[in-house]
């Protein structure tokens, strides 16, 4: 059980780190090329969300294999586990986006 909880936490923070790190370095590149860094940060964060989730899961093919086993072979426990991994990775990616959105001074709602 400890391994499952630690994997969920890792997935969350890996996705968060991909969004924050990619956006910060994208903003640095934008500043070097004379583009607006804060706008670039938001644009990069929005465009790499799905990649942050894929990175957090450790590659997409193993995730699809587990989902297939859960759906077609009746392994409900592995299906629920994989869905939780995806959910927490999505949460980390979205939190990173929201943090950058707030840094930019925009209202979320």
PDB file of N, CA and C in Angstrom:
ATOM      1  N   UNK A   1       0.815  -1.204   0.000  1.00  0.00           N
ATOM      2  CA  UNK A   1       0.000   0.000   0.000  1.00  0.00           C
ATOM      3  C   UNK A   1       0.856   1.264   0.000  1.00  0.00           C
ATOM      4  N   UNK A   2       2.010   1.200   0.670  1.00  0.00           N
ATOM      5  CA  UNK A   2       2.888   2.365   0.712  1.00  0.00           C
ATOM      6  C   UNK A   2       3.385   2.686  -0.688  1.00  0.00           C
ATOM      7  N   UNK A   3       3.650   1.687  -1.481  1.00  0.00           N
ATOM      8  CA  UNK A   3       4.133   1.903  -2.838  1.00  0.00           C
ATOM      9  C   UNK A   3       3.079   2.607  -3.686  1.00  0.00           C
ATOM     10  N   UNK A   4       1.824   2.229  -3.514  1.00  0.00           N
ATOM     11  CA  UNK A   4       0.738   2.845  -4.272  1.00  0.00           C
ATOM     12  C   UNK A   4       0.600   4.326  -3.918  1.00  0.00           C
ATOM     13  N   UNK A   5       0.617   4.642  -2.629  1.00  0.00           N
ATOM     14  CA  UNK A   5       0.502   6.026  -2.178  1.00  0.00           C
ATOM     15  C   UNK A   5       1.705   6.841  -2.655  1.00  0.00           C
ATOM     16  N   UNK A   6       2.892   6.279  -2.554  1.00  0.00           N
ATOM     17  CA  UNK A   6       4.072   7.019  -2.998  1.00  0.00           C
ATOM     18  C   UNK A   6       4.050   7.236  -4.506  1.00  0.00           C
ATOM     19  N   UNK A   7       3.542   6.293  -5.275  1.00  0.00           N
ATOM     20  CA  UNK A   7       3.433   6.465  -6.723  1.00  0.00           C
ATOM     21  C   UNK A   7       2.426   7.557  -7.089  1.00  0.00           C
ATOM     22  N   UNK A   8       1.335   7.638  -6.343  1.00  0.00           N
ATOM     23  CA  UNK A   8       0.353   8.699  -6.588  1.00  0.00           C
ATOM     24  C   UNK A   8       0.976  10.069  -6.328  1.00  0.00           C
ATOM     25  N   UNK A   9       1.701  10.178  -5.218  1.00  0.00           N
ATOM     26  CA  UNK A   9       2.349  11.452  -4.874  1.00  0.00           C
ATOM     27  C   UNK A   9       3.408  11.797  -5.913  1.00  0.00           C
ATOM     28  N   UNK A  10       4.188  10.804  -6.334  1.00  0.00           N
ATOM     29  CA  UNK A  10       5.194  11.044  -7.373  1.00  0.00           C
ATOM     30  C   UNK A  10       4.552  11.505  -8.677  1.00  0.00           C
ATOM     31  N   UNK A  11       3.475  10.855  -9.092  1.00  0.00           N
ATOM     32  CA  UNK A  11       2.793  11.250 -10.324  1.00  0.00           C
ATOM     33  C   UNK A  11       2.316  12.695 -10.251  1.00  0.00           C
ATOM     34  N   UNK A  12       1.745  13.066  -9.129  1.00  0.00           N
ATOM     35  CA  UNK A  12       1.245  14.424  -8.949  1.00  0.00           C
ATOM     36  C   UNK A  12       2.369  15.445  -9.098  1.00  0.00           C
ATOM     37  N   UNK A  13       3.467  15.224  -8.376  1.00  0.00           N
ATOM     38  CA  UNK A  13       4.535  16.212  -8.369  1.00  0.00           C
ATOM     39  C   UNK A  13       5.390  16.177  -9.638  1.00  0.00           C
ATOM     40  N   UNK A  14       5.478  15.048 -10.293  1.00  0.00           N
ATOM     41  CA  UNK A  14       6.187  15.003 -11.574  1.00  0.00           C
ATOM     42  C   UNK A  14       5.432  15.834 -12.602  1.00  0.00           C
ATOM     43  N   UNK A  15       4.123  15.662 -12.676  1.00  0.00           N
ATOM     44  CA  UNK A  15       3.318  16.459 -13.618  1.00  0.00           C
ATOM     45  C   UNK A  15       3.396  17.943 -13.277  1.00  0.00           C
ATOM     46  N   UNK A  16       3.348  18.264 -11.996  1.00  0.00           N
ATOM     47  CA  UNK A  16       3.475  19.654 -11.549  1.00  0.00           C
ATOM     48  C   UNK A  16       4.831  20.223 -11.963  1.00  0.00           C
ATOM     49  N   UNK A  17       5.884  19.453 -11.769  1.00  0.00           N
ATOM     50  CA  UNK A  17       7.228  19.907 -12.114  1.00  0.00           C
ATOM     51  C   UNK A  17       7.429  20.087 -13.606  1.00  0.00           C
ATOM     52  N   UNK A  18       6.832  19.220 -14.401  1.00  0.00           N
ATOM     53  CA  UNK A  18       6.950  19.364 -15.855  1.00  0.00           C
ATOM     54  C   UNK A  18       6.300  20.667 -16.304  1.00  0.00           C
ATOM     55  N   UNK A  19       5.131  20.963 -15.780  1.00  0.00           N
ATOM     56  CA  UNK A  19       4.442  22.203 -16.155  1.00  0.00           C
ATOM     57  C   UNK A  19       5.233  23.427 -15.700  1.00  0.00           C
ATOM     58  N   UNK A  20       5.627  23.450 -14.431  1.00  0.00           N
ATOM     59  CA  UNK A  20       6.335  24.622 -13.917  1.00  0.00           C
ATOM     60  C   UNK A  20       7.705  24.780 -14.577  1.00  0.00           C
ATOM     61  N   UNK A  21       8.453  23.699 -14.673  1.00  0.00           N
ATOM     62  CA  UNK A  21       9.789  23.776 -15.261  1.00  0.00           C
ATOM     63  C   UNK A  21       9.763  24.133 -16.734  1.00  0.00           C
ATOM     64  N   UNK A  22       8.900  23.479 -17.483  1.00  0.00           N
ATOM     65  CA  UNK A  22       8.803  23.777 -18.911  1.00  0.00           C
ATOM     66  C   UNK A  22       8.364  25.197 -19.173  1.00  0.00           C
ATOM     67  N   UNK A  23       7.455  25.688 -18.370  1.00  0.00           N
ATOM     68  CA  UNK A  23       6.957  27.052 -18.556  1.00  0.00           C
ATOM     69  C   UNK A  23       7.997  28.098 -18.175  1.00  0.00           C
ATOM     70  N   UNK A  24       8.730  27.840 -17.106  1.00  0.00           N
ATOM     71  CA  UNK A  24       9.758  28.792 -16.688  1.00  0.00           C
ATOM     72  C   UNK A  24      10.866  28.869 -17.742  1.00  0.00           C
ATOM     73  N   UNK A  25      11.297  27.727 -18.242  1.00  0.00           N
ATOM     74  CA  UNK A  25      12.336  27.758 -19.269  1.00  0.00           C
ATOM     75  C   UNK A  25      11.801  28.305 -20.591  1.00  0.00           C
ATOM     76  N   UNK A  26      10.528  28.083 -20.867  1.00  0.00           N
ATOM     77  CA  UNK A  26       9.916  28.705 -22.038  1.00  0.00           C
ATOM     78  C   UNK A  26       9.866  30.215 -21.908  1.00  0.00           C
ATOM     79  N   UNK A  27       9.591  30.704 -20.705  1.00  0.00           N
ATOM     80  CA  UNK A  27       9.572  32.150 -20.464  1.00  0.00           C
ATOM     81  C   UNK A  27      10.970  32.735 -20.593  1.00  0.00           C
ATOM     82  N   UNK A  28      11.975  31.982 -20.161  1.00  0.00           N
ATOM     83  CA  UNK A  28      13.354  32.428 -20.314  1.00  0.00           C
ATOM     84  C   UNK A  28      13.713  32.552 -21.797  1.00  0.00           C
ATOM     85  N   UNK A  29      13.314  31.574 -22.575  1.00  0.00           N
ATOM     86  CA  UNK A  29      13.561  31.625 -24.017  1.00  0.00           C
ATOM     87  C   UNK A  29      12.807  32.794 -24.653  1.00  0.00           C
ATOM     88  N   UNK A  30      11.594  33.037 -24.186  1.00  0.00           N
ATOM     89  CA  UNK A  30      10.822  34.159 -24.719  1.00  0.00           C
ATOM     90  C   UNK A  30      11.491  35.481 -24.388  1.00  0.00           C
ATOM     91  N   UNK A  31      12.023  35.615 -23.185  1.00  0.00           N
ATOM     92  CA  UNK A  31      12.704  36.857 -22.806  1.00  0.00           C
ATOM     93  C   UNK A  31      13.950  37.068 -23.656  1.00  0.00           C
ATOM     94  N   UNK A  32      14.651  35.987 -23.961  1.00  0.00           N
ATOM     95  CA  UNK A  32      15.857  36.102 -24.789  1.00  0.00           C
ATOM     96  C   UNK A  32      15.536  36.471 -26.237  1.00  0.00           C
ATOM     97  N   UNK A  33      14.350  36.118 -26.686  1.00  0.00           N
ATOM     98  CA  UNK A  33      13.975  36.406 -28.076  1.00  0.00           C
ATOM     99  C   UNK A  33      13.072  37.628 -28.211  1.00  0.00           C
ATOM    100  N   UNK A  34      12.825  38.322 -27.117  1.00  0.00           N
ATOM    101  CA  UNK A  34      12.055  39.557 -27.179  1.00  0.00           C
ATOM    102  C   UNK A  34      10.546  39.378 -27.179  1.00  0.00           C
ATOM    103  N   UNK A  35      10.066  38.216 -26.790  1.00  0.00           N
ATOM    104  CA  UNK A  35       8.623  37.977 -26.704  1.00  0.00           C
ATOM    105  C   UNK A  35       8.178  38.169 -25.257  1.00  0.00           C
ATOM    106  N   UNK A  36       6.874  38.348 -25.026  1.00  0.00           N
ATOM    107  CA  UNK A  36       6.398  38.531 -23.646  1.00  0.00           C
ATOM    108  C   UNK A  36       6.498  37.233 -22.833  1.00  0.00           C
ATOM    109  N   UNK A  37       7.308  37.222 -21.770  1.00  0.00           N
ATOM    110  CA  UNK A  37       7.542  35.987 -21.017  1.00  0.00           C
ATOM    111  C   UNK A  37       6.312  35.440 -20.289  1.00  0.00           C
ATOM    112  N   UNK A  38       5.512  36.310 -19.685  1.00  0.00           N
ATOM    113  CA  UNK A  38       4.370  35.812 -18.924  1.00  0.00           C
ATOM    114  C   UNK A  38       3.312  35.183 -19.833  1.00  0.00           C
ATOM    115  N   UNK A  39       3.078  35.789 -20.963  1.00  0.00           N
ATOM    116  CA  UNK A  39       2.124  35.217 -21.909  1.00  0.00           C
ATOM    117  C   UNK A  39       2.647  33.884 -22.441  1.00  0.00           C
ATOM    118  N   UNK A  40       3.946  33.836 -22.704  1.00  0.00           N
ATOM    119  CA  UNK A  40       4.547  32.590 -23.186  1.00  0.00           C
ATOM    120  C   UNK A  40       4.452  31.500 -22.135  1.00  0.00           C
ATOM    121  N   UNK A  41       4.610  31.871 -20.867  1.00  0.00           N
ATOM    122  CA  UNK A  41       4.485  30.905 -19.774  1.00  0.00           C
ATOM    123  C   UNK A  41       3.127  30.218 -19.794  1.00  0.00           C
ATOM    124  N   UNK A  42       2.075  31.007 -19.905  1.00  0.00           N
ATOM    125  CA  UNK A  42       0.723  30.461 -19.921  1.00  0.00           C
ATOM    126  C   UNK A  42       0.496  29.611 -21.158  1.00  0.00           C
ATOM    127  N   UNK A  43       0.964  30.083 -22.307  1.00  0.00           N
ATOM    128  CA  UNK A  43       0.785  29.329 -23.553  1.00  0.00           C
ATOM    129  C   UNK A  43       1.506  27.987 -23.507  1.00  0.00           C
ATOM    130  N   UNK A  44       2.734  27.993 -22.995  1.00  0.00           N
ATOM    131  CA  UNK A  44       3.501  26.746 -22.892  1.00  0.00           C
ATOM    132  C   UNK A  44       2.829  25.796 -21.906  1.00  0.00           C
ATOM    133  N   UNK A  45       2.419  26.323 -20.760  1.00  0.00           N
ATOM    134  CA  UNK A  45       1.772  25.479 -19.750  1.00  0.00           C
ATOM    135  C   UNK A  45       0.514  24.823 -20.305  1.00  0.00           C
ATOM    136  N   UNK A  46      -0.255  25.583 -21.072  1.00  0.00           N
ATOM    137  CA  UNK A  46      -1.476  25.034 -21.649  1.00  0.00           C
ATOM    138  C   UNK A  46      -1.170  23.961 -22.697  1.00  0.00           C
ATOM    139  N   UNK A  47      -0.111  24.164 -23.454  1.00  0.00           N
ATOM    140  CA  UNK A  47       0.175  23.228 -24.544  1.00  0.00           C
ATOM    141  C   UNK A  47       0.894  21.959 -24.087  1.00  0.00           C
ATOM    142  N   UNK A  48       1.523  21.965 -22.927  1.00  0.00           N
ATOM    143  CA  UNK A  48       2.248  20.760 -22.499  1.00  0.00           C
ATOM    144  C   UNK A  48       1.537  19.981 -21.392  1.00  0.00           C
ATOM    145  N   UNK A  49       0.302  20.333 -21.092  1.00  0.00           N
ATOM    146  CA  UNK A  49      -0.426  19.606 -20.033  1.00  0.00           C
ATOM    147  C   UNK A  49      -0.508  18.107 -20.306  1.00  0.00           C
ATOM    148  N   UNK A  50      -0.884  17.738 -21.518  1.00  0.00           N
ATOM    149  CA  UNK A  50      -1.034  16.315 -21.829  1.00  0.00           C
ATOM    150  C   UNK A  50       0.307  15.595 -21.770  1.00  0.00           C
ATOM    151  N   UNK A  51       1.371  16.297 -22.131  1.00  0.00           N
ATOM    152  CA  UNK A  51       2.702  15.689 -22.071  1.00  0.00           C
ATOM    153  C   UNK A  51       3.152  15.526 -20.624  1.00  0.00           C
ATOM    154  N   UNK A  52       2.766  16.442 -19.770  1.00  0.00           N
ATOM    155  CA  UNK A  52       3.102  16.312 -18.351  1.00  0.00           C
ATOM    156  C   UNK A  52       2.435  15.079 -17.756  1.00  0.00           C
ATOM    157  N   UNK A  53       1.215  14.818 -18.168  1.00  0.00           N
ATOM    158  CA  UNK A  53       0.505  13.628 -17.686  1.00  0.00           C
ATOM    159  C   UNK A  53       1.188  12.366 -18.206  1.00  0.00           C
ATOM    160  N   UNK A  54       1.562  12.365 -19.483  1.00  0.00           N
ATOM    161  CA  UNK A  54       2.236  11.198 -20.063  1.00  0.00           C
ATOM    162  C   UNK A  54       3.579  10.946 -19.395  1.00  0.00           C
ATOM    163  N   UNK A  55       4.324  12.004 -19.103  1.00  0.00           N
ATOM    164  CA  UNK A  55       5.612  11.855 -18.430  1.00  0.00           C
ATOM    165  C   UNK A  55       5.406  11.305 -17.021  1.00  0.00           C
ATOM    166  N   UNK A  56       4.418  11.815 -16.312  1.00  0.00           N
ATOM    167  CA  UNK A  56       4.159  11.359 -14.947  1.00  0.00           C
ATOM    168  C   UNK A  56       3.784   9.886 -14.909  1.00  0.00           C
ATOM    169  N   UNK A  57       3.105   9.412 -15.935  1.00  0.00           N
ATOM    170  CA  UNK A  57       2.710   8.012 -15.975  1.00  0.00           C
ATOM    171  C   UNK A  57       3.844   7.106 -16.434  1.00  0.00           C
ATOM    172  N   UNK A  58       4.921   7.684 -16.912  1.00  0.00           N
ATOM    173  CA  UNK A  58       6.069   6.883 -17.303  1.00  0.00           C
ATOM    174  C   UNK A  58       5.945   6.305 -18.699  1.00  0.00           C
ATOM    175  N   UNK A  59       5.183   6.899 -19.531  1.00  0.00           N
ATOM    176  CA  UNK A  59       4.984   6.407 -20.888  1.00  0.00           C
ATOM    177  C   UNK A  59       3.551   5.961 -21.064  1.00  0.00           C
ATOM    178  N   UNK A  60       3.043   6.118 -22.243  1.00  0.00           N
ATOM    179  CA  UNK A  60       1.619   5.866 -22.451  1.00  0.00           C
ATOM    180  C   UNK A  60       1.301   4.405 -22.720  1.00  0.00           C
ATOM    181  N   UNK A  61       2.212   3.652 -23.303  1.00  0.00           N
ATOM    182  CA  UNK A  61       1.874   2.286 -23.700  1.00  0.00           C
ATOM    183  C   UNK A  61       1.648   1.361 -22.509  1.00  0.00           C
ATOM    184  N   UNK A  62       2.442   1.496 -21.466  1.00  0.00           N
ATOM    185  CA  UNK A  62       2.212   0.653 -20.292  1.00  0.00           C
ATOM    186  C   UNK A  62       0.892   1.005 -19.624  1.00  0.00           C
ATOM    187  N   UNK A  63       0.526   2.272 -19.643  1.00  0.00           N
ATOM    188  CA  UNK A  63      -0.756   2.684 -19.066  1.00  0.00           C
ATOM    189  C   UNK A  63      -1.922   2.101 -19.845  1.00  0.00           C
ATOM    190  N   UNK A  64      -1.811   2.116 -21.169  1.00  0.00           N
ATOM    191  CA  UNK A  64      -2.879   1.536 -21.990  1.00  0.00           C
ATOM    192  C   UNK A  64      -2.978   0.030 -21.783  1.00  0.00           C
ATOM    193  N   UNK A  65      -1.849  -0.620 -21.581  1.00  0.00           N
ATOM    194  CA  UNK A  65      -1.857  -2.065 -21.346  1.00  0.00           C
ATOM    195  C   UNK A  65      -2.590  -2.395 -20.046  1.00  0.00           C
ATOM    196  N   UNK A  66      -2.319  -1.619 -19.002  1.00  0.00           N
ATOM    197  CA  UNK A  66      -2.996  -1.837 -17.723  1.00  0.00           C
ATOM    198  C   UNK A  66      -4.489  -1.555 -17.856  1.00  0.00           C
ATOM    199  N   UNK A  67      -4.845  -0.487 -18.573  1.00  0.00           N
ATOM    200  CA  UNK A  67      -6.265  -0.188 -18.784  1.00  0.00           C
ATOM    201  C   UNK A  67      -6.949  -1.303 -19.572  1.00  0.00           C
ATOM    202  N   UNK A  68      -6.248  -1.852 -20.562  1.00  0.00           N
ATOM    203  CA  UNK A  68      -6.810  -2.955 -21.340  1.00  0.00           C
ATOM    204  C   UNK A  68      -7.050  -4.183 -20.460  1.00  0.00           C
ATOM    205  N   UNK A  69      -6.084  -4.507 -19.622  1.00  0.00           N
ATOM    206  CA  UNK A  69      -6.257  -5.649 -18.727  1.00  0.00           C
ATOM    207  C   UNK A  69      -7.421  -5.427 -17.776  1.00  0.00           C
ATOM    208  N   UNK A  70      -7.562  -4.206 -17.312  1.00  0.00           N
ATOM    209  CA  UNK A  70      -8.659  -3.913 -16.398  1.00  0.00           C
ATOM    210  C   UNK A  70     -10.013  -4.003 -17.067  1.00  0.00           C
ATOM    211  N   UNK A  71     -10.093  -3.529 -18.293  1.00  0.00           N
ATOM    212  CA  UNK A  71     -11.382  -3.531 -18.992  1.00  0.00           C
ATOM    213  C   UNK A  71     -11.742  -4.902 -19.561  1.00  0.00           C
ATOM    214  N   UNK A  72     -10.800  -5.533 -20.246  1.00  0.00           N
ATOM    215  CA  UNK A  72     -11.128  -6.741 -20.991  1.00  0.00           C
ATOM    216  C   UNK A  72     -10.825  -8.037 -20.256  1.00  0.00           C
ATOM    217  N   UNK A  73      -9.980  -7.992 -19.255  1.00  0.00           N
ATOM    218  CA  UNK A  73      -9.665  -9.204 -18.499  1.00  0.00           C
ATOM    219  C   UNK A  73     -10.261  -9.175 -17.103  1.00  0.00           C
ATOM    220  N   UNK A  74     -10.980  -8.130 -16.791  1.00  0.00           N
ATOM    221  CA  UNK A  74     -11.708  -8.069 -15.537  1.00  0.00           C
ATOM    222  C   UNK A  74     -10.869  -7.759 -14.320  1.00  0.00           C
ATOM    223  N   UNK A  75      -9.684  -7.220 -14.496  1.00  0.00           N
ATOM    224  CA  UNK A  75      -8.844  -6.863 -13.353  1.00  0.00           C
ATOM    225  C   UNK A  75      -9.222  -5.457 -12.884  1.00  0.00           C
ATOM    226  N   UNK A  76     -10.256  -5.402 -12.095  1.00  0.00           N
ATOM    227  CA  UNK A  76     -10.827  -4.134 -11.662  1.00  0.00           C
ATOM    228  C   UNK A  76      -9.867  -3.349 -10.773  1.00  0.00           C
ATOM    229  N   UNK A  77      -9.111  -4.050  -9.942  1.00  0.00           N
ATOM    230  CA  UNK A  77      -8.195  -3.375  -9.030  1.00  0.00           C
ATOM    231  C   UNK A  77      -7.116  -2.608  -9.794  1.00  0.00           C
ATOM    232  N   UNK A  78      -6.554  -3.215 -10.821  1.00  0.00           N
ATOM    233  CA  UNK A  78      -5.525  -2.525 -11.601  1.00  0.00           C
ATOM    234  C   UNK A  78      -6.117  -1.379 -12.413  1.00  0.00           C
ATOM    235  N   UNK A  79      -7.346  -1.528 -12.858  1.00  0.00           N
ATOM    236  CA  UNK A  79      -8.016  -0.455 -13.592  1.00  0.00           C
ATOM    237  C   UNK A  79      -8.230   0.762 -12.699  1.00  0.00           C
ATOM    238  N   UNK A  80      -8.723   0.549 -11.505  1.00  0.00           N
ATOM    239  CA  UNK A  80      -8.951   1.649 -10.562  1.00  0.00           C
ATOM    240  C   UNK A  80      -7.634   2.302 -10.182  1.00  0.00           C
ATOM    241  N   UNK A  81      -6.606   1.492  -9.969  1.00  0.00           N
ATOM    242  CA  UNK A  81      -5.293   2.016  -9.617  1.00  0.00           C
ATOM    243  C   UNK A  81      -4.754   2.918 -10.739  1.00  0.00           C
ATOM    244  N   UNK A  82      -4.869   2.462 -11.974  1.00  0.00           N
ATOM    245  CA  UNK A  82      -4.368   3.234 -13.104  1.00  0.00           C
ATOM    246  C   UNK A  82      -5.174   4.521 -13.295  1.00  0.00           C
ATOM    247  N   UNK A  83      -6.468   4.441 -13.096  1.00  0.00           N
ATOM    248  CA  UNK A  83      -7.298   5.645 -13.202  1.00  0.00           C
ATOM    249  C   UNK A  83      -6.934   6.671 -12.130  1.00  0.00           C
ATOM    250  N   UNK A  84      -6.591   6.196 -10.935  1.00  0.00           N
ATOM    251  CA  UNK A  84      -6.142   7.114  -9.883  1.00  0.00           C
ATOM    252  C   UNK A  84      -4.803   7.751 -10.241  1.00  0.00           C
ATOM    253  N   UNK A  85      -3.906   6.972 -10.843  1.00  0.00           N
ATOM    254  CA  UNK A  85      -2.635   7.537 -11.301  1.00  0.00           C
ATOM    255  C   UNK A  85      -2.882   8.657 -12.309  1.00  0.00           C
ATOM    256  N   UNK A  86      -3.757   8.408 -13.262  1.00  0.00           N
ATOM    257  CA  UNK A  86      -4.073   9.410 -14.286  1.00  0.00           C
ATOM    258  C   UNK A  86      -4.729  10.632 -13.645  1.00  0.00           C
ATOM    259  N   UNK A  87      -5.657  10.402 -12.732  1.00  0.00           N
ATOM    260  CA  UNK A  87      -6.355  11.495 -12.067  1.00  0.00           C
ATOM    261  C   UNK A  87      -5.391  12.397 -11.311  1.00  0.00           C
ATOM    262  N   UNK A  88      -4.465  11.809 -10.553  1.00  0.00           N
ATOM    263  CA  UNK A  88      -3.536  12.620  -9.785  1.00  0.00           C
ATOM    264  C   UNK A  88      -2.512  13.304 -10.677  1.00  0.00           C
ATOM    265  N   UNK A  89      -2.124  12.680 -11.769  1.00  0.00           N
ATOM    266  CA  UNK A  89      -1.229  13.345 -12.722  1.00  0.00           C
ATOM    267  C   UNK A  89      -1.934  14.540 -13.348  1.00  0.00           C
ATOM    268  N   UNK A  90      -3.209  14.383 -13.674  1.00  0.00           N
ATOM    269  CA  UNK A  90      -3.981  15.505 -14.219  1.00  0.00           C
ATOM    270  C   UNK A  90      -4.105  16.620 -13.188  1.00  0.00           C
ATOM    271  N   UNK A  91      -4.281  16.248 -11.948  1.00  0.00           N
ATOM    272  CA  UNK A  91      -4.367  17.251 -10.879  1.00  0.00           C
ATOM    273  C   UNK A  91      -3.077  18.033 -10.724  1.00  0.00           C
ATOM    274  N   UNK A  92      -1.944  17.356 -10.804  1.00  0.00           N
ATOM    275  CA  UNK A  92      -0.656  18.049 -10.712  1.00  0.00           C
ATOM    276  C   UNK A  92      -0.436  18.990 -11.878  1.00  0.00           C
ATOM    277  N   UNK A  93      -0.790  18.544 -13.076  1.00  0.00           N
ATOM    278  CA  UNK A  93      -0.640  19.393 -14.257  1.00  0.00           C
ATOM    279  C   UNK A  93      -1.561  20.610 -14.161  1.00  0.00           C
ATOM    280  N   UNK A  94      -2.780  20.407 -13.715  1.00  0.00           N
ATOM    281  CA  UNK A  94      -3.720  21.528 -13.593  1.00  0.00           C
ATOM    282  C   UNK A  94      -3.287  22.497 -12.503  1.00  0.00           C
ATOM    283  N   UNK A  95      -2.761  21.982 -11.394  1.00  0.00           N
ATOM    284  CA  UNK A  95      -2.278  22.872 -10.338  1.00  0.00           C
ATOM    285  C   UNK A  95      -1.121  23.720 -10.840  1.00  0.00           C
ATOM    286  N   UNK A  96      -0.217  23.133 -11.601  1.00  0.00           N
ATOM    287  CA  UNK A  96       0.872  23.913 -12.176  1.00  0.00           C
ATOM    288  C   UNK A  96       0.358  25.014 -13.075  1.00  0.00           C
ATOM    289  N   UNK A  97      -0.632  24.709 -13.886  1.00  0.00           N
ATOM    290  CA  UNK A  97      -1.236  25.712 -14.764  1.00  0.00           C
ATOM    291  C   UNK A  97      -1.893  26.827 -13.951  1.00  0.00           C
ATOM    292  N   UNK A  98      -2.609  26.468 -12.903  1.00  0.00           N
ATOM    293  CA  UNK A  98      -3.286  27.467 -12.070  1.00  0.00           C
ATOM    294  C   UNK A  98      -2.260  28.353 -11.361  1.00  0.00           C
ATOM    295  N   UNK A  99      -1.182  27.775 -10.874  1.00  0.00           N
ATOM    296  CA  UNK A  99      -0.136  28.566 -10.216  1.00  0.00           C
ATOM    297  C   UNK A  99       0.427  29.599 -11.190  1.00  0.00           C
ATOM    298  N   UNK A 100       0.719  29.172 -12.400  1.00  0.00           N
ATOM    299  CA  UNK A 100       1.255  30.107 -13.395  1.00  0.00           C
ATOM    300  C   UNK A 100       0.224  31.156 -13.791  1.00  0.00           C
ATOM    301  N   UNK A 101      -1.017  30.746 -13.851  1.00  0.00           N
ATOM    302  CA  UNK A 101      -2.090  31.677 -14.178  1.00  0.00           C
ATOM    303  C   UNK A 101      -2.211  32.754 -13.105  1.00  0.00           C
ATOM    304  N   UNK A 102      -2.064  32.355 -11.842  1.00  0.00           N
ATOM    305  CA  UNK A 102      -2.130  33.320 -10.744  1.00  0.00           C
ATOM    306  C   UNK A 102      -0.900  34.214 -10.718  1.00  0.00           C
ATOM    307  N   UNK A 103       0.269  33.664 -11.047  1.00  0.00           N
ATOM    308  CA  UNK A 103       1.478  34.474 -11.118  1.00  0.00           C
ATOM    309  C   UNK A 103       1.309  35.561 -12.174  1.00  0.00           C
ATOM    310  N   UNK A 104       0.629  35.206 -13.239  1.00  0.00           N
ATOM    311  CA  UNK A 104       0.421  36.150 -14.331  1.00  0.00           C
ATOM    312  C   UNK A 104      -0.569  37.253 -13.939  1.00  0.00           C
ATOM    313  N   UNK A 105      -1.254  37.099 -12.814  1.00  0.00           N
ATOM    314  CA  UNK A 105      -2.162  38.130 -12.337  1.00  0.00           C
ATOM    315  C   UNK A 105      -3.543  38.065 -12.925  1.00  0.00           C
ATOM    316  N   UNK A 106      -3.890  36.952 -13.524  1.00  0.00           N
ATOM    317  CA  UNK A 106      -5.232  36.806 -14.085  1.00  0.00           C
ATOM    318  C   UNK A 106      -6.162  36.166 -13.070  1.00  0.00           C
ATOM    319  N   UNK A 107      -7.418  36.452 -13.219  1.00  0.00           N
ATOM    320  CA  UNK A 107      -8.433  35.853 -12.358  1.00  0.00           C
ATOM    321  C   UNK A 107      -8.853  34.523 -12.950  1.00  0.00           C
ATOM    322  N   UNK A 108      -8.896  33.484 -12.133  1.00  0.00           N
ATOM    323  CA  UNK A 108      -9.219  32.150 -12.635  1.00  0.00           C
ATOM    324  C   UNK A 108     -10.685  32.060 -13.035  1.00  0.00           C
ATOM    325  N   UNK A 109     -11.557  32.676 -12.279  1.00  0.00           N
ATOM    326  CA  UNK A 109     -12.988  32.492 -12.530  1.00  0.00           C
ATOM    327  C   UNK A 109     -13.593  33.673 -13.202  1.00  0.00           C
TER     328      UNK A 109
END
